[in-house]
Amino acid sequence: MVSIVIWSGISENEAMKIRILIMAVAGLWLSLATAQALELDAAAEAKRLEAGLTRLCGVWDWTVHSHSRNHREAKSRIVLPSSQAAGLEGPSPTEIRIYGDAVYFRWDFPGGYQEDSMLLIENRRLEGTFRTSTGAFGAINGKRLSPCQPAASGGAVKPEGKP
C-alpha cells in the first residue's frame, strides 16, 4: 500500500479530509472545463432550432394514451410550433427543443406541467412518451395532417389547413 504523507504533524483523520478536499477541487475543475467545452455557438444553435421548427411546422392529430389513468386516451389537434404563430386557437408547448430527430416538448398548465420526449419519423409522425408533474405517464402519437406552406417573402409560415 502506498501512503501519501501530506504533513507528519497532522492526524490521519485530518489528512483524509485534506485528500477529500483535493479530490473535490480536482473534480470541480474537471467538470467546469467540460461545461465550458460544451457551450454552443448561439448563432449555430438558433439555426439548428429554426431548421427543426420548420420540420415540425403544421397541423398535427395528437393522441395521448395515459398508462397511469386507466389507459384513458385523449385526442386533439395542435399546431406546431405554436398555434399563436399560425393564428389559430389551441394548446401550444411552452418549450420545444430539437436535436436531430429527437424532440422535447414542455407544456405548462395551471397547477403543473407535462414533458414529452418524442421521435420525429419521416417528418410525418411523432412518437414518444410523456410524464406530468402529478406523476401521470404514458404514450403520445402525433400524425401530421398538413404541413406549413412556405412563407411569401419573409413572412411567417402558415399551416395549409385549419384544424
C-alpha atoms as a PDB file:
ATOM      1  CA  MET A   1       0.000   0.000   0.000  1.00  0.00           C
ATOM      2  CA  VAL A   2       1.251   3.465  -0.914  1.00  0.00           C
ATOM      3  CA  SER A   3       0.644   6.283   1.539  1.00  0.00           C
ATOM      4  CA  ILE A   4       0.858   9.925   0.752  1.00  0.00           C
ATOM      5  CA  VAL A   5       2.198  11.930   3.640  1.00  0.00           C
ATOM      6  CA  ILE A   6       0.905  15.454   3.467  1.00  0.00           C
ATOM      7  CA  TRP A   7       2.469  16.604   6.699  1.00  0.00           C
ATOM      8  CA  SER A   8       3.667  14.427   9.535  1.00  0.00           C
ATOM      9  CA  GLY A   9       2.278  16.857  12.143  1.00  0.00           C
ATOM     10  CA  ILE A  10      -1.421  16.177  11.379  1.00  0.00           C
ATOM     11  CA  SER A  11      -3.571  13.225  12.293  1.00  0.00           C
ATOM     12  CA  GLU A  12      -4.647  10.573   9.803  1.00  0.00           C
ATOM     13  CA  ASN A  13      -8.247  11.841  10.040  1.00  0.00           C
ATOM     14  CA  GLU A  14      -7.200  15.388   9.101  1.00  0.00           C
ATOM     15  CA  ALA A  15      -5.039  14.036   6.271  1.00  0.00           C
ATOM     16  CA  MET A  16      -8.089  12.189   4.890  1.00  0.00           C
ATOM     17  CA  LYS A  17     -10.110  15.424   4.989  1.00  0.00           C
ATOM     18  CA  ILE A  18      -7.382  17.198   3.025  1.00  0.00           C
ATOM     19  CA  ARG A  19      -7.288  14.374   0.441  1.00  0.00           C
ATOM     20  CA  ILE A  20     -11.075  14.587   0.035  1.00  0.00           C
ATOM     21  CA  LEU A  21     -10.853  18.353  -0.380  1.00  0.00           C
ATOM     22  CA  ILE A  22      -8.142  17.975  -3.038  1.00  0.00           C
ATOM     23  CA  MET A  23     -10.241  15.414  -4.921  1.00  0.00           C
ATOM     24  CA  ALA A  24     -13.337  17.651  -4.719  1.00  0.00           C
ATOM     25  CA  VAL A  25     -11.404  20.624  -6.103  1.00  0.00           C
ATOM     26  CA  ALA A  26      -9.961  18.474  -8.906  1.00  0.00           C
ATOM     27  CA  GLY A  27     -13.442  17.134  -9.745  1.00  0.00           C
ATOM     28  CA  LEU A  28     -14.898  20.633  -9.796  1.00  0.00           C
ATOM     29  CA  TRP A  29     -12.114  21.856 -12.041  1.00  0.00           C
ATOM     30  CA  LEU A  30     -12.647  18.952 -14.475  1.00  0.00           C
ATOM     31  CA  SER A  31     -16.426  19.466 -14.583  1.00  0.00           C
ATOM     32  CA  LEU A  32     -16.058  23.202 -15.242  1.00  0.00           C
ATOM     33  CA  ALA A  33     -13.599  22.535 -18.054  1.00  0.00           C
ATOM     34  CA  THR A  34     -16.085  20.066 -19.597  1.00  0.00           C
ATOM     35  CA  ALA A  35     -19.007  22.507 -19.206  1.00  0.00           C
ATOM     36  CA  GLN A  36     -17.049  25.219 -20.999  1.00  0.00           C
ATOM     37  CA  ALA A  37     -16.219  22.823 -23.824  1.00  0.00           C
ATOM     38  CA  LEU A  38     -19.944  22.055 -24.289  1.00  0.00           C
ATOM     39  CA  GLU A  39     -21.009  25.679 -24.714  1.00  0.00           C
ATOM     40  CA  LEU A  40     -22.677  26.078 -28.078  1.00  0.00           C
ATOM     41  CA  ASP A  41     -22.349  28.831 -30.598  1.00  0.00           C
ATOM     42  CA  ALA A  42     -25.566  30.869 -30.203  1.00  0.00           C
ATOM     43  CA  ALA A  43     -25.904  31.520 -33.950  1.00  0.00           C
ATOM     44  CA  ALA A  44     -25.444  27.831 -34.817  1.00  0.00           C
ATOM     45  CA  GLU A  45     -27.928  26.830 -32.091  1.00  0.00           C
ATOM     46  CA  ALA A  46     -30.527  29.308 -33.419  1.00  0.00           C
ATOM     47  CA  LYS A  47     -30.049  27.998 -36.960  1.00  0.00           C
ATOM     48  CA  ARG A  48     -30.441  24.380 -35.794  1.00  0.00           C
ATOM     49  CA  LEU A  49     -33.624  25.236 -33.869  1.00  0.00           C
ATOM     50  CA  GLU A  50     -35.104  27.127 -36.837  1.00  0.00           C
ATOM     51  CA  ALA A  51     -34.475  24.160 -39.151  1.00  0.00           C
ATOM     52  CA  GLY A  52     -36.083  21.813 -36.624  1.00  0.00           C
ATOM     53  CA  LEU A  53     -39.143  24.037 -36.166  1.00  0.00           C
ATOM     54  CA  THR A  54     -39.553  24.166 -39.943  1.00  0.00           C
ATOM     55  CA  ARG A  55     -39.615  20.350 -39.997  1.00  0.00           C
ATOM     56  CA  LEU A  56     -42.266  20.282 -37.223  1.00  0.00           C
ATOM     57  CA  CYS A  57     -44.430  23.054 -38.637  1.00  0.00           C
ATOM     58  CA  GLY A  58     -48.003  22.062 -39.404  1.00  0.00           C
ATOM     59  CA  VAL A  59     -51.291  20.747 -38.046  1.00  0.00           C
ATOM     60  CA  TRP A  60     -50.964  17.515 -36.075  1.00  0.00           C
ATOM     61  CA  ASP A  61     -53.510  14.926 -34.935  1.00  0.00           C
ATOM     62  CA  TRP A  62     -52.370  14.217 -31.364  1.00  0.00           C
ATOM     63  CA  THR A  63     -53.257  11.092 -29.326  1.00  0.00           C
ATOM     64  CA  VAL A  64     -52.227  10.898 -25.672  1.00  0.00           C
ATOM     65  CA  HIS A  65     -52.567   7.481 -24.014  1.00  0.00           C
ATOM     66  CA  SER A  66     -52.195   7.527 -20.226  1.00  0.00           C
ATOM     67  CA  HIS A  67     -50.814   4.329 -18.688  1.00  0.00           C
ATOM     68  CA  SER A  68     -51.443   5.608 -15.167  1.00  0.00           C
ATOM     69  CA  ARG A  69     -55.056   6.780 -15.646  1.00  0.00           C
ATOM     70  CA  ASN A  70     -56.836   3.532 -16.621  1.00  0.00           C
ATOM     71  CA  HIS A  71     -55.440   3.708 -20.165  1.00  0.00           C
ATOM     72  CA  ARG A  72     -57.531   6.759 -20.938  1.00  0.00           C
ATOM     73  CA  GLU A  73     -56.914   8.365 -24.336  1.00  0.00           C
ATOM     74  CA  ALA A  74     -57.297  11.995 -25.311  1.00  0.00           C
ATOM     75  CA  LYS A  75     -57.282  13.188 -28.903  1.00  0.00           C
ATOM     76  CA  SER A  76     -56.727  16.723 -30.097  1.00  0.00           C
ATOM     77  CA  ARG A  77     -55.325  18.753 -32.946  1.00  0.00           C
ATOM     78  CA  ILE A  78     -52.412  21.028 -32.327  1.00  0.00           C
ATOM     79  CA  VAL A  79     -50.447  23.435 -34.448  1.00  0.00           C
ATOM     80  CA  LEU A  80     -46.681  23.360 -34.189  1.00  0.00           C
ATOM     81  CA  PRO A  81     -44.514  25.195 -33.440  1.00  0.00           C
ATOM     82  CA  SER A  82     -47.266  27.353 -31.882  1.00  0.00           C
ATOM     83  CA  SER A  83     -50.926  27.987 -32.503  1.00  0.00           C
ATOM     84  CA  GLN A  84     -50.442  31.725 -31.876  1.00  0.00           C
ATOM     85  CA  ALA A  85     -47.875  31.964 -34.671  1.00  0.00           C
ATOM     86  CA  ALA A  86     -50.356  30.314 -37.028  1.00  0.00           C
ATOM     87  CA  GLY A  87     -53.260  32.482 -35.881  1.00  0.00           C
ATOM     88  CA  LEU A  88     -55.254  29.508 -34.585  1.00  0.00           C
ATOM     89  CA  GLU A  89     -56.596  28.755 -31.115  1.00  0.00           C
ATOM     90  CA  GLY A  90     -55.364  25.716 -29.240  1.00  0.00           C
ATOM     91  CA  PRO A  91     -52.709  24.363 -26.913  1.00  0.00           C
ATOM     92  CA  SER A  92     -49.085  25.229 -27.571  1.00  0.00           C
ATOM     93  CA  PRO A  93     -45.919  23.902 -25.990  1.00  0.00           C
ATOM     94  CA  THR A  94     -44.142  26.331 -23.689  1.00  0.00           C
ATOM     95  CA  GLU A  95     -40.756  24.997 -24.777  1.00  0.00           C
ATOM     96  CA  ILE A  96     -39.519  23.000 -27.768  1.00  0.00           C
ATOM     97  CA  ARG A  97     -36.031  21.532 -28.112  1.00  0.00           C
ATOM     98  CA  ILE A  98     -34.951  19.663 -31.215  1.00  0.00           C
ATOM     99  CA  TYR A  99     -31.814  17.561 -31.597  1.00  0.00           C
ATOM    100  CA  GLY A 100     -31.878  15.803 -34.964  1.00  0.00           C
ATOM    101  CA  ASP A 101     -34.993  13.615 -34.887  1.00  0.00           C
ATOM    102  CA  ALA A 102     -35.339  13.801 -31.080  1.00  0.00           C
ATOM    103  CA  VAL A 103     -37.895  16.384 -29.925  1.00  0.00           C
ATOM    104  CA  TYR A 104     -38.648  17.610 -26.396  1.00  0.00           C
ATOM    105  CA  PHE A 105     -41.860  19.481 -25.573  1.00  0.00           C
ATOM    106  CA  ARG A 106     -42.779  21.113 -22.278  1.00  0.00           C
ATOM    107  CA  TRP A 107     -46.385  22.152 -21.705  1.00  0.00           C
ATOM    108  CA  ASP A 108     -47.144  24.400 -18.716  1.00  0.00           C
ATOM    109  CA  PHE A 109     -50.675  24.297 -17.344  1.00  0.00           C
ATOM    110  CA  PRO A 110     -52.277  25.878 -14.275  1.00  0.00           C
ATOM    111  CA  GLY A 111     -51.071  23.709 -11.395  1.00  0.00           C
ATOM    112  CA  GLY A 112     -48.484  21.681 -13.276  1.00  0.00           C
ATOM    113  CA  TYR A 113     -46.656  20.717 -16.426  1.00  0.00           C
ATOM    114  CA  GLN A 114     -46.130  17.889 -18.896  1.00  0.00           C
ATOM    115  CA  GLU A 115     -42.873  16.891 -20.566  1.00  0.00           C
ATOM    116  CA  ASP A 116     -42.856  14.904 -23.811  1.00  0.00           C
ATOM    117  CA  SER A 117     -39.882  13.053 -25.294  1.00  0.00           C
ATOM    118  CA  MET A 118     -40.608  12.331 -28.929  1.00  0.00           C
ATOM    119  CA  LEU A 119     -39.013  10.975 -32.074  1.00  0.00           C
ATOM    120  CA  LEU A 120     -39.816  12.603 -35.425  1.00  0.00           C
ATOM    121  CA  ILE A 121     -40.228   9.873 -38.035  1.00  0.00           C
ATOM    122  CA  GLU A 122     -40.008  10.737 -41.745  1.00  0.00           C
ATOM    123  CA  ASN A 123     -41.222  14.287 -40.906  1.00  0.00           C
ATOM    124  CA  ARG A 124     -44.772  12.857 -40.771  1.00  0.00           C
ATOM    125  CA  ARG A 125     -45.120  11.174 -37.366  1.00  0.00           C
ATOM    126  CA  LEU A 126     -44.126  11.929 -33.797  1.00  0.00           C
ATOM    127  CA  GLU A 127     -43.956   9.051 -31.318  1.00  0.00           C
ATOM    128  CA  GLY A 128     -42.835   9.049 -27.725  1.00  0.00           C
ATOM    129  CA  THR A 129     -43.700   9.245 -24.065  1.00  0.00           C
ATOM    130  CA  PHE A 130     -44.834  11.839 -21.561  1.00  0.00           C
ATOM    131  CA  ARG A 131     -44.657  12.433 -17.825  1.00  0.00           C
ATOM    132  CA  THR A 132     -46.582  15.050 -15.860  1.00  0.00           C
ATOM    133  CA  SER A 133     -45.825  16.898 -12.646  1.00  0.00           C
ATOM    134  CA  THR A 134     -48.643  14.905 -10.998  1.00  0.00           C
ATOM    135  CA  GLY A 135     -46.968  11.587 -11.829  1.00  0.00           C
ATOM    136  CA  ALA A 136     -49.085  10.547 -14.818  1.00  0.00           C
ATOM    137  CA  PHE A 137     -47.193   8.913 -17.674  1.00  0.00           C
ATOM    138  CA  GLY A 138     -47.933   7.286 -20.984  1.00  0.00           C
ATOM    139  CA  ALA A 139     -47.501   7.328 -24.745  1.00  0.00           C
ATOM    140  CA  ILE A 140     -48.066  10.035 -27.345  1.00  0.00           C
ATOM    141  CA  ASN A 141     -48.508   9.667 -31.080  1.00  0.00           C
ATOM    142  CA  GLY A 142     -48.746  12.536 -33.499  1.00  0.00           C
ATOM    143  CA  LYS A 143     -49.675  12.334 -37.159  1.00  0.00           C
ATOM    144  CA  ARG A 144     -49.176  15.339 -39.416  1.00  0.00           C
ATOM    145  CA  LEU A 145     -52.438  16.335 -41.071  1.00  0.00           C
ATOM    146  CA  SER A 146     -50.963  19.181 -43.103  1.00  0.00           C
ATOM    147  CA  PRO A 147     -47.546  20.836 -43.323  1.00  0.00           C
ATOM    148  CA  CYS A 148     -46.957  24.569 -43.283  1.00  0.00           C
ATOM    149  CA  GLN A 149     -46.829  26.401 -46.561  1.00  0.00           C
ATOM    150  CA  PRO A 150     -43.615  28.290 -47.267  1.00  0.00           C
ATOM    151  CA  ALA A 151     -43.825  31.956 -46.343  1.00  0.00           C
ATOM    152  CA  ALA A 152     -44.154  34.572 -49.028  1.00  0.00           C
ATOM    153  CA  SER A 153     -41.063  36.822 -48.973  1.00  0.00           C
ATOM    154  CA  GLY A 154     -40.016  36.924 -45.323  1.00  0.00           C
ATOM    155  CA  GLY A 155     -43.376  36.320 -43.628  1.00  0.00           C
ATOM    156  CA  ALA A 156     -44.202  33.593 -41.140  1.00  0.00           C
ATOM    157  CA  VAL A 157     -45.046  30.120 -42.419  1.00  0.00           C
ATOM    158  CA  LYS A 158     -48.708  29.167 -42.135  1.00  0.00           C
ATOM    159  CA  PRO A 159     -50.351  25.749 -41.891  1.00  0.00           C
ATOM    160  CA  GLU A 160     -52.177  24.689 -45.055  1.00  0.00           C
ATOM    161  CA  GLY A 161     -55.463  23.905 -43.345  1.00  0.00           C
ATOM    162  CA  LYS A 162     -57.235  24.830 -40.139  1.00  0.00           C
ATOM    163  CA  PRO A 163     -57.662  22.070 -37.544  1.00  0.00           C
END
